[in-house]
Amino acid sequence: MLVLPLALTACFGSDGDRPSLLEGGQAGGPQSFPDNFRSDALALMRAYLNNPVGVRDASMADPVLREVGGRQFYVSCLHFTPRETDGTYKAMRERAIIYVNGRADRVIDRANEICAGAVYAPFPELEKMAR
């Protein structure tokens, strides 16, 4: 249990001018529910994936409050199978999207613990992404 906050701390370092979630910055106070979580997740995944075309088996869990780095954030979990650079498909991936102040902020690669117990529903919009 104590390993998760430490592991996630590395994911929340500063990106140049971007304030770190752990330093307070834009994350102070109670978090608002991400009303546009599906469209925000799509925009973030379009930038996150090397090739957003050809994603298969996409599903998404509605955002729930989870503790990340010692603070409460809305987190939505994704399952999907991306197309590899050689055109093949390999294992399904699980990722977590962290929402800060109602907006998609980060993708967490190692999402096993944070997504434990997530209830997934089909997310066909992720499968229809284009460049």
C-alpha atoms as a PDB file:
ATOM      1  CA  MET A   1       0.000   0.000   0.000  1.00  0.00           C
ATOM      2  CA  LEU A   2       2.765   2.454   0.825  1.00  0.00           C
ATOM      3  CA  VAL A   3       4.531   1.719  -2.453  1.00  0.00           C
ATOM      4  CA  LEU A   4       1.728   3.196  -4.623  1.00  0.00           C
ATOM      5  CA  PRO A   5       2.122   6.826  -3.497  1.00  0.00           C
ATOM      6  CA  LEU A   6       5.895   6.568  -3.904  1.00  0.00           C
ATOM      7  CA  ALA A   7       5.605   4.994  -7.335  1.00  0.00           C
ATOM      8  CA  LEU A   8       3.123   7.606  -8.476  1.00  0.00           C
ATOM      9  CA  THR A   9       5.259  10.452  -7.159  1.00  0.00           C
ATOM     10  CA  ALA A  10       7.628   9.906 -10.071  1.00  0.00           C
ATOM     11  CA  CYS A  11       4.726  10.337 -12.502  1.00  0.00           C
ATOM     12  CA  PHE A  12       3.845  13.750 -11.113  1.00  0.00           C
ATOM     13  CA  GLY A  13       7.120  15.597 -11.505  1.00  0.00           C
ATOM     14  CA  SER A  14       7.175  19.021 -13.135  1.00  0.00           C
ATOM     15  CA  ASP A  15       7.042  19.223 -16.918  1.00  0.00           C
ATOM     16  CA  GLY A  16       8.924  22.462 -17.493  1.00  0.00           C
ATOM     17  CA  ASP A  17       6.513  25.259 -16.567  1.00  0.00           C
ATOM     18  CA  ARG A  18       3.817  22.827 -15.453  1.00  0.00           C
ATOM     19  CA  PRO A  19       3.373  22.799 -11.643  1.00  0.00           C
ATOM     20  CA  SER A  20       3.706  19.473  -9.899  1.00  0.00           C
ATOM     21  CA  LEU A  21       0.539  17.990  -8.431  1.00  0.00           C
ATOM     22  CA  LEU A  22       2.431  17.124  -5.276  1.00  0.00           C
ATOM     23  CA  GLU A  23       3.616  20.706  -4.772  1.00  0.00           C
ATOM     24  CA  GLY A  24       0.063  22.005  -4.679  1.00  0.00           C
ATOM     25  CA  GLY A  25       0.107  24.202  -7.754  1.00  0.00           C
ATOM     26  CA  GLN A  26      -3.137  23.755  -9.632  1.00  0.00           C
ATOM     27  CA  ALA A  27      -4.433  20.934  -7.413  1.00  0.00           C
ATOM     28  CA  GLY A  28      -5.262  22.798  -4.198  1.00  0.00           C
ATOM     29  CA  GLY A  29      -8.647  22.298  -2.564  1.00  0.00           C
ATOM     30  CA  PRO A  30     -11.428  19.825  -3.257  1.00  0.00           C
ATOM     31  CA  GLN A  31     -11.568  18.477  -6.777  1.00  0.00           C
ATOM     32  CA  SER A  32     -14.537  19.073  -9.066  1.00  0.00           C
ATOM     33  CA  PHE A  33     -16.072  16.215 -11.024  1.00  0.00           C
ATOM     34  CA  PRO A  34     -14.748  16.111 -14.612  1.00  0.00           C
ATOM     35  CA  ASP A  35     -18.000  16.719 -16.532  1.00  0.00           C
ATOM     36  CA  ASN A  36     -16.300  16.245 -19.929  1.00  0.00           C
ATOM     37  CA  PHE A  37     -14.216  13.258 -18.868  1.00  0.00           C
ATOM     38  CA  ARG A  38     -14.805  11.232 -22.049  1.00  0.00           C
ATOM     39  CA  SER A  39     -13.776  13.985 -24.479  1.00  0.00           C
ATOM     40  CA  ASP A  40     -10.888  15.035 -22.218  1.00  0.00           C
ATOM     41  CA  ALA A  41      -9.680  11.430 -22.067  1.00  0.00           C
ATOM     42  CA  LEU A  42      -9.803  11.185 -25.865  1.00  0.00           C
ATOM     43  CA  ALA A  43      -7.756  14.357 -26.291  1.00  0.00           C
ATOM     44  CA  LEU A  44      -5.178  13.174 -23.777  1.00  0.00           C
ATOM     45  CA  MET A  45      -4.948   9.673 -25.298  1.00  0.00           C
ATOM     46  CA  ARG A  46      -4.552  11.138 -28.793  1.00  0.00           C
ATOM     47  CA  ALA A  47      -1.386  12.854 -27.546  1.00  0.00           C
ATOM     48  CA  TYR A  48      -0.301   9.910 -25.358  1.00  0.00           C
ATOM     49  CA  LEU A  49      -0.440   7.163 -28.002  1.00  0.00           C
ATOM     50  CA  ASN A  50       2.238   7.073 -30.691  1.00  0.00           C
ATOM     51  CA  ASN A  51      -0.433   5.994 -33.172  1.00  0.00           C
ATOM     52  CA  PRO A  52      -4.010   6.564 -32.013  1.00  0.00           C
ATOM     53  CA  VAL A  53      -5.449   4.798 -35.083  1.00  0.00           C
ATOM     54  CA  GLY A  54      -6.600   1.187 -34.786  1.00  0.00           C
ATOM     55  CA  VAL A  55      -7.191   0.886 -31.043  1.00  0.00           C
ATOM     56  CA  ARG A  56      -9.280  -2.197 -30.203  1.00  0.00           C
ATOM     57  CA  ASP A  57     -11.273  -3.511 -27.245  1.00  0.00           C
ATOM     58  CA  ALA A  58     -11.548  -0.076 -25.596  1.00  0.00           C
ATOM     59  CA  SER A  59     -13.435   0.313 -22.324  1.00  0.00           C
ATOM     60  CA  MET A  60     -13.491   3.020 -19.686  1.00  0.00           C
ATOM     61  CA  ALA A  61     -14.559   3.337 -16.064  1.00  0.00           C
ATOM     62  CA  ASP A  62     -16.345   6.477 -14.896  1.00  0.00           C
ATOM     63  CA  PRO A  63     -14.158   8.739 -12.740  1.00  0.00           C
ATOM     64  CA  VAL A  64     -14.054   8.061  -9.001  1.00  0.00           C
ATOM     65  CA  LEU A  65     -12.161   9.835  -6.237  1.00  0.00           C
ATOM     66  CA  ARG A  66      -8.895   8.058  -5.409  1.00  0.00           C
ATOM     67  CA  GLU A  67      -5.913   9.027  -3.354  1.00  0.00           C
ATOM     68  CA  VAL A  68      -2.923   9.791  -5.556  1.00  0.00           C
ATOM     69  CA  GLY A  69       0.264  11.215  -4.078  1.00  0.00           C
ATOM     70  CA  GLY A  70      -1.483  11.882  -0.766  1.00  0.00           C
ATOM     71  CA  ARG A  71      -4.359  13.878  -2.298  1.00  0.00           C
ATOM     72  CA  GLN A  72      -7.818  13.066  -3.643  1.00  0.00           C
ATOM     73  CA  PHE A  73      -8.217  13.251  -7.420  1.00  0.00           C
ATOM     74  CA  TYR A  74     -10.803  11.929  -9.826  1.00  0.00           C
ATOM     75  CA  VAL A  75      -9.371   8.943 -11.675  1.00  0.00           C
ATOM     76  CA  SER A  76     -10.796   7.149 -14.687  1.00  0.00           C
ATOM     77  CA  CYS A  77      -9.381   3.821 -15.829  1.00  0.00           C
ATOM     78  CA  LEU A  78      -9.010   2.595 -19.414  1.00  0.00           C
ATOM     79  CA  HIS A  79      -8.548  -0.837 -20.972  1.00  0.00           C
ATOM     80  CA  PHE A  80      -7.498  -0.962 -24.620  1.00  0.00           C
ATOM     81  CA  THR A  81      -5.341  -2.795 -27.131  1.00  0.00           C
ATOM     82  CA  PRO A  82      -3.274  -0.391 -29.260  1.00  0.00           C
ATOM     83  CA  ARG A  83      -1.908  -1.195 -32.683  1.00  0.00           C
ATOM     84  CA  GLU A  84       1.845  -1.693 -32.487  1.00  0.00           C
ATOM     85  CA  THR A  85       4.236   0.085 -34.875  1.00  0.00           C
ATOM     86  CA  ASP A  86       4.516  -3.101 -36.974  1.00  0.00           C
ATOM     87  CA  GLY A  87       0.700  -3.253 -37.355  1.00  0.00           C
ATOM     88  CA  THR A  88       0.179  -6.157 -34.950  1.00  0.00           C
ATOM     89  CA  TYR A  89      -1.810  -6.268 -31.714  1.00  0.00           C
ATOM     90  CA  LYS A  90      -0.387  -7.596 -28.469  1.00  0.00           C
ATOM     91  CA  ALA A  91      -1.602  -7.474 -24.865  1.00  0.00           C
ATOM     92  CA  MET A  92      -4.400  -5.317 -23.542  1.00  0.00           C
ATOM     93  CA  ARG A  93      -3.200  -2.321 -21.555  1.00  0.00           C
ATOM     94  CA  GLU A  94      -4.623  -0.651 -18.494  1.00  0.00           C
ATOM     95  CA  ARG A  95      -4.051   3.046 -17.889  1.00  0.00           C
ATOM     96  CA  ALA A  96      -5.396   5.570 -15.393  1.00  0.00           C
ATOM     97  CA  ILE A  97      -6.248   9.156 -16.245  1.00  0.00           C
ATOM     98  CA  ILE A  98      -5.887  11.673 -13.440  1.00  0.00           C
ATOM     99  CA  TYR A  99      -8.207  14.687 -13.527  1.00  0.00           C
ATOM    100  CA  VAL A 100      -7.143  17.918 -11.848  1.00  0.00           C
ATOM    101  CA  ASN A 101      -9.728  20.640 -11.292  1.00  0.00           C
ATOM    102  CA  GLY A 102     -12.146  18.868 -13.628  1.00  0.00           C
ATOM    103  CA  ARG A 103      -9.701  18.420 -16.547  1.00  0.00           C
ATOM    104  CA  ALA A 104      -7.691  15.407 -17.752  1.00  0.00           C
ATOM    105  CA  ASP A 105      -4.120  16.015 -16.632  1.00  0.00           C
ATOM    106  CA  ARG A 106      -1.972  12.853 -16.694  1.00  0.00           C
ATOM    107  CA  VAL A 107      -1.891   9.262 -17.866  1.00  0.00           C
ATOM    108  CA  ILE A 108      -0.533   6.758 -15.364  1.00  0.00           C
ATOM    109  CA  ASP A 109       1.069   3.692 -16.969  1.00  0.00           C
ATOM    110  CA  ARG A 110       1.229   1.409 -13.931  1.00  0.00           C
ATOM    111  CA  ALA A 111      -2.444   1.472 -13.021  1.00  0.00           C
ATOM    112  CA  ASN A 112      -2.990  -1.989 -11.491  1.00  0.00           C
ATOM    113  CA  GLU A 113      -3.540  -0.806  -7.924  1.00  0.00           C
ATOM    114  CA  ILE A 114      -5.245   2.484  -8.658  1.00  0.00           C
ATOM    115  CA  CYS A 115      -7.709   0.769 -11.031  1.00  0.00           C
ATOM    116  CA  ALA A 116      -8.445  -2.218  -8.790  1.00  0.00           C
ATOM    117  CA  GLY A 117     -12.203  -2.783  -8.704  1.00  0.00           C
ATOM    118  CA  ALA A 118     -12.955  -0.421 -11.613  1.00  0.00           C
ATOM    119  CA  VAL A 119     -16.195  -1.112 -13.489  1.00  0.00           C
ATOM    120  CA  TYR A 120     -15.615  -0.789 -17.227  1.00  0.00           C
ATOM    121  CA  ALA A 121     -18.071   0.044 -19.997  1.00  0.00           C
ATOM    122  CA  PRO A 122     -17.405   0.093 -23.760  1.00  0.00           C
ATOM    123  CA  PHE A 123     -15.586   3.193 -25.002  1.00  0.00           C
ATOM    124  CA  PRO A 124     -16.033   3.063 -28.802  1.00  0.00           C
ATOM    125  CA  GLU A 125     -14.847   6.667 -29.227  1.00  0.00           C
ATOM    126  CA  LEU A 126     -11.313   5.534 -28.368  1.00  0.00           C
ATOM    127  CA  GLU A 127     -11.494   2.904 -31.119  1.00  0.00           C
ATOM    128  CA  LYS A 128     -12.558   5.543 -33.680  1.00  0.00           C
ATOM    129  CA  MET A 129      -9.657   7.938 -33.085  1.00  0.00           C
ATOM    130  CA  ALA A 130      -7.819   9.356 -36.063  1.00  0.00           C
ATOM    131  CA  ARG A 131      -4.545  11.256 -36.258  1.00  0.00           C
END
